Amino acid sequence: MFAQGTIGWHRQRLGCITGSKVGLLMKSGRSKTEMFSEAAKTYIYQLAAERCMNEKIVNDDDLFTIYLEETSVSTKAMRWGTEQEANARNLYAKITKKDVIETGLMRHTEIKNFASSSDGFSYDDGEKISLEIKCFQQDKFMKMRHIVKDNATLLAQEPCIFYQCMAHIMCNKADAADFVLYNPFQKHPIHIVRITPDNDVFEAMAERIKVANEMIDEIVKNVQL
């Protein structure tokens, strides 16, 4: 299993519907007949392109690194969040008094091309808990800390993060997920919200992933004709 951010991890994710992006598929289009939004359609075409990539480029470390550098999107806030993730994970472990195990990409055992990379997992009284860590800037940290208390409030405030947590539960066969907010500049720098499994949500996600995969397969098939 490859650690998150490594070249091997990026290779594993190619063409997969991932936890960080699956929320795009959950928003319908503007008309009642459109299952997917324009953002979701863009993501579907991106995945189709990844599944059609030149294998010589994918398998060559130097060429694949160039590809990743050319296609990556990284803002100052995103880089800061990545840098703080380890501190958040360590503080979570200290507060919960649980050992946190880091993990790489986990593929769903039954849903094709569906995978998720949680920020670690721990065991709470025998239950496996996946982690999703977000290190937001001051204003967003405080807003999320004030509003987000459970499944419903996370879904209302940040649906993509909600579906990311659900993807962690599904792909890691976890019993729940802990959404962890962290900002080191605060007196109380961490906020932990337990996100519980929801079978109705799982079924809705599975259905939309199935349809998206069918669309991607059709696009790829047409390219190969």
Protein backbone atom coordinates (compact mmCIF):
# COMPACT_ATOMS: atom_id res chain seq x y z
CA MET A 1 0.00 0.00 0.00
CA PHE A 2 1.39 3.38 -1.00
CA ALA A 3 1.34 6.39 1.32
CA GLN A 4 -0.84 9.33 0.31
CA GLY A 5 0.85 11.77 -2.01
CA THR A 6 3.43 9.33 -3.34
CA ILE A 7 3.75 8.55 -7.03
CA GLY A 8 2.46 5.02 -6.43
CA TRP A 9 -0.64 6.39 -4.69
CA HIS A 10 -1.34 8.71 -7.62
CA ARG A 11 -1.04 5.77 -10.02
CA GLN A 12 -3.52 3.74 -7.98
CA ARG A 13 -6.07 6.58 -8.09
CA LEU A 14 -6.02 7.02 -11.87
CA GLY A 15 -9.48 6.51 -13.32
CA CYS A 16 -11.04 5.83 -9.91
CA ILE A 17 -14.01 7.65 -8.46
CA THR A 18 -12.45 8.78 -5.20
CA GLY A 19 -13.81 9.84 -1.86
CA SER A 20 -12.56 13.39 -2.30
CA LYS A 21 -14.53 13.81 -5.54
CA VAL A 22 -17.54 11.49 -5.20
CA GLY A 23 -19.58 14.37 -3.79
CA LEU A 24 -19.57 15.91 -7.27
CA LEU A 25 -21.65 12.99 -8.50
CA MET A 26 -24.29 13.50 -5.83
CA LYS A 27 -25.51 16.84 -7.16
CA SER A 28 -28.08 16.67 -9.92
CA GLY A 29 -28.21 18.88 -12.99
CA ARG A 30 -30.37 21.98 -13.35
CA SER A 31 -33.19 20.22 -15.15
CA LYS A 32 -35.17 17.35 -13.66
CA THR A 33 -33.97 15.02 -16.43
CA GLU A 34 -30.27 15.62 -15.75
CA MET A 35 -28.82 13.18 -13.25
CA PHE A 36 -25.46 14.95 -13.05
CA SER A 37 -24.38 18.56 -12.72
CA GLU A 38 -21.91 20.15 -15.14
CA ALA A 39 -19.15 19.76 -12.54
CA ALA A 40 -19.95 16.04 -12.31
CA LYS A 41 -19.86 15.68 -16.09
CA THR A 42 -16.45 17.37 -16.18
CA TYR A 43 -15.24 14.90 -13.55
CA ILE A 44 -16.61 11.98 -15.58
CA TYR A 45 -14.68 13.13 -18.66
CA GLN A 46 -11.56 13.54 -16.53
CA LEU A 47 -11.85 9.94 -15.33
CA ALA A 48 -12.42 8.72 -18.87
CA ALA A 49 -9.27 10.53 -19.96
CA GLU A 50 -7.29 8.96 -17.11
CA ARG A 51 -8.46 5.48 -18.12
CA CYS A 52 -7.22 6.16 -21.65
CA MET A 53 -3.78 7.42 -20.69
CA ASN A 54 -0.63 6.22 -22.44
CA GLU A 55 0.74 3.35 -20.32
CA LYS A 56 4.33 4.34 -21.15
CA ILE A 57 3.75 7.68 -19.44
CA VAL A 58 1.92 6.19 -16.47
CA ASN A 59 4.59 3.56 -15.83
CA ASP A 60 7.60 5.86 -16.25
CA ASP A 61 8.37 7.68 -12.98
CA ASP A 62 9.89 10.74 -14.66
CA LEU A 63 7.15 11.14 -17.27
CA PHE A 64 4.36 10.50 -14.77
CA THR A 65 5.88 13.05 -12.39
CA ILE A 66 5.78 15.62 -15.18
CA TYR A 67 2.12 14.75 -15.78
CA LEU A 68 1.31 15.18 -12.07
CA GLU A 69 3.12 18.52 -11.92
CA GLU A 70 1.26 19.80 -14.98
CA THR A 71 -2.19 18.72 -13.77
CA SER A 72 -1.99 19.34 -10.04
CA VAL A 73 -3.86 22.22 -8.42
CA SER A 74 -2.25 23.56 -5.26
CA THR A 75 -3.13 26.76 -3.44
CA LYS A 76 -1.44 28.29 -0.43
CA ALA A 77 -4.35 27.19 1.77
CA MET A 78 -4.19 23.63 0.42
CA ARG A 79 -0.44 23.41 1.05
CA TRP A 80 -0.89 24.75 4.58
CA GLY A 81 -3.59 22.18 5.23
CA THR A 82 -1.36 19.34 4.05
CA GLU A 83 1.49 20.55 6.22
CA GLN A 84 -0.73 20.64 9.32
CA GLU A 85 -2.35 17.24 8.82
CA ALA A 86 0.24 15.29 10.84
CA ASN A 87 -0.12 17.72 13.77
CA ALA A 88 -3.88 17.29 13.68
CA ARG A 89 -3.58 13.50 13.60
CA ASN A 90 -1.15 13.51 16.54
CA LEU A 91 -3.41 15.75 18.63
CA TYR A 92 -6.43 13.59 17.78
CA ALA A 93 -4.51 10.52 18.98
CA LYS A 94 -3.52 12.30 22.20
CA ILE A 95 -7.06 13.49 22.97
CA THR A 96 -8.82 10.23 22.13
CA LYS A 97 -5.99 8.12 23.62
CA LYS A 98 -6.20 5.90 20.52
CA ASP A 99 -3.45 4.70 18.24
CA VAL A 100 -3.95 6.10 14.75
CA ILE A 101 -2.85 4.00 11.82
CA GLU A 102 -2.10 5.81 8.56
CA THR A 103 -3.48 4.24 5.43
CA GLY A 104 -3.31 4.58 1.67
CA LEU A 105 -5.92 4.08 -1.03
CA MET A 106 -8.60 1.52 -0.20
CA ARG A 107 -10.76 0.16 -3.03
CA HIS A 108 -14.35 -0.82 -2.41
CA THR A 109 -14.60 -4.59 -2.66
CA GLU A 110 -17.89 -4.60 -4.57
CA ILE A 111 -18.31 -1.24 -6.33
CA LYS A 112 -16.10 -1.04 -9.41
CA ASN A 113 -13.58 1.80 -9.68
CA PHE A 114 -14.53 3.29 -6.32
CA ALA A 115 -11.78 4.03 -3.81
CA SER A 116 -11.04 6.32 -0.90
CA SER A 117 -8.01 7.46 1.09
CA SER A 118 -8.86 8.27 4.68
CA ASP A 119 -6.41 10.27 6.79
CA GLY A 120 -5.96 7.28 9.07
CA PHE A 121 -8.09 5.11 11.28
CA SER A 122 -8.30 4.15 14.91
CA TYR A 123 -10.22 1.65 17.02
CA ASP A 124 -12.77 2.97 19.53
CA ASP A 125 -14.03 0.22 21.86
CA GLY A 126 -13.55 -2.31 19.07
CA GLU A 127 -15.09 -0.11 16.36
CA LYS A 128 -12.99 0.91 13.37
CA ILE A 129 -13.13 4.69 12.89
CA SER A 130 -11.88 6.34 9.71
CA LEU A 131 -10.53 9.88 9.89
CA GLU A 132 -11.09 12.86 7.62
CA ILE A 133 -8.91 15.79 8.65
CA LYS A 134 -9.44 19.34 7.43
CA CYS A 135 -7.09 22.14 8.44
CA PHE A 136 -8.98 25.30 7.56
CA GLN A 137 -8.02 28.94 7.93
CA GLN A 138 -9.32 30.85 10.95
CA ASP A 139 -12.69 32.04 9.66
CA LYS A 140 -13.76 28.77 8.08
CA PHE A 141 -12.50 26.77 11.05
CA MET A 142 -14.65 28.83 13.43
CA LYS A 143 -17.69 28.69 11.15
CA MET A 144 -17.46 24.92 10.78
CA ARG A 145 -16.81 24.43 14.49
CA HIS A 146 -19.89 26.49 15.31
CA ILE A 147 -22.22 24.80 12.81
CA VAL A 148 -21.12 21.21 12.25
CA LYS A 149 -22.26 18.82 14.99
CA ASP A 150 -23.47 15.68 13.18
CA ASN A 151 -24.30 14.08 9.81
CA ALA A 152 -27.08 16.52 8.93
CA THR A 153 -25.15 19.69 9.70
CA LEU A 154 -22.05 18.50 7.83
CA LEU A 155 -24.18 17.56 4.79
CA ALA A 156 -25.86 20.96 4.84
CA GLN A 157 -22.64 22.92 5.28
CA GLU A 158 -20.08 20.90 3.26
CA PRO A 159 -21.73 18.12 1.23
CA CYS A 160 -18.50 17.05 -0.50
CA ILE A 161 -16.83 16.46 2.87
CA PHE A 162 -19.90 14.59 4.09
CA TYR A 163 -19.77 12.22 1.11
CA GLN A 164 -16.02 11.90 1.55
CA CYS A 165 -16.59 10.66 5.11
CA MET A 166 -19.24 8.25 3.84
CA ALA A 167 -16.81 7.00 1.18
CA HIS A 168 -14.23 6.32 3.90
CA ILE A 169 -16.75 4.24 5.81
CA MET A 170 -17.75 2.32 2.68
CA CYS A 171 -14.28 1.62 1.29
CA ASN A 172 -12.57 0.98 4.63
CA LYS A 173 -15.44 -1.13 6.00
CA ALA A 174 -15.40 1.22 8.98
CA ASP A 175 -18.04 1.54 11.65
CA ALA A 176 -18.01 5.34 11.53
CA ALA A 177 -15.85 8.31 10.58
CA ASP A 178 -14.47 11.14 12.67
CA PHE A 179 -14.46 14.49 10.90
CA VAL A 180 -11.53 16.36 12.44
CA LEU A 181 -11.22 20.14 12.19
CA TYR A 182 -7.85 21.62 13.13
CA ASN A 183 -6.33 25.08 13.41
CA PRO A 184 -3.11 25.44 15.46
CA PHE A 185 -3.67 29.14 16.18
CA GLN A 186 -6.71 28.50 18.38
CA LYS A 187 -6.82 27.94 22.15
CA HIS A 188 -8.93 24.91 21.39
CA PRO A 189 -7.41 23.86 18.06
CA ILE A 190 -9.37 20.69 17.35
CA HIS A 191 -13.03 19.83 16.82
CA ILE A 192 -14.11 16.21 16.35
CA VAL A 193 -17.48 15.22 14.90
CA ARG A 194 -18.58 11.58 14.74
CA ILE A 195 -20.16 10.81 11.34
CA THR A 196 -22.30 7.69 11.46
CA PRO A 197 -23.13 5.28 8.63
CA ASP A 198 -26.33 5.78 6.65
CA ASN A 199 -27.50 2.93 4.43
CA ASP A 200 -29.78 5.19 2.38
CA VAL A 201 -26.81 7.41 1.57
CA PHE A 202 -24.68 4.37 0.73
CA GLU A 203 -27.30 3.11 -1.71
CA ALA A 204 -27.64 6.52 -3.37
CA MET A 205 -23.87 6.81 -3.73
CA ALA A 206 -23.56 3.30 -5.14
CA GLU A 207 -26.27 3.99 -7.74
CA ARG A 208 -24.69 7.22 -8.94
CA ILE A 209 -21.23 5.66 -9.07
CA LYS A 210 -22.67 2.80 -11.13
CA VAL A 211 -24.22 5.21 -13.64
CA ALA A 212 -21.04 7.31 -13.79
CA ASN A 213 -18.98 4.18 -14.47
CA GLU A 214 -21.34 3.19 -17.27
CA MET A 215 -20.95 6.64 -18.82
CA ILE A 216 -17.17 6.44 -18.54
CA ASP A 217 -17.11 2.96 -20.09
CA GLU A 218 -19.17 4.25 -23.05
CA ILE A 219 -16.83 7.21 -23.56
CA VAL A 220 -13.76 4.95 -23.43
CA LYS A 221 -15.39 2.46 -25.81
CA ASN A 222 -16.05 5.19 -28.38
CA VAL A 223 -12.43 6.37 -28.15
CA GLN A 224 -11.19 2.84 -28.86
CA LEU A 225 -13.36 2.33 -31.96
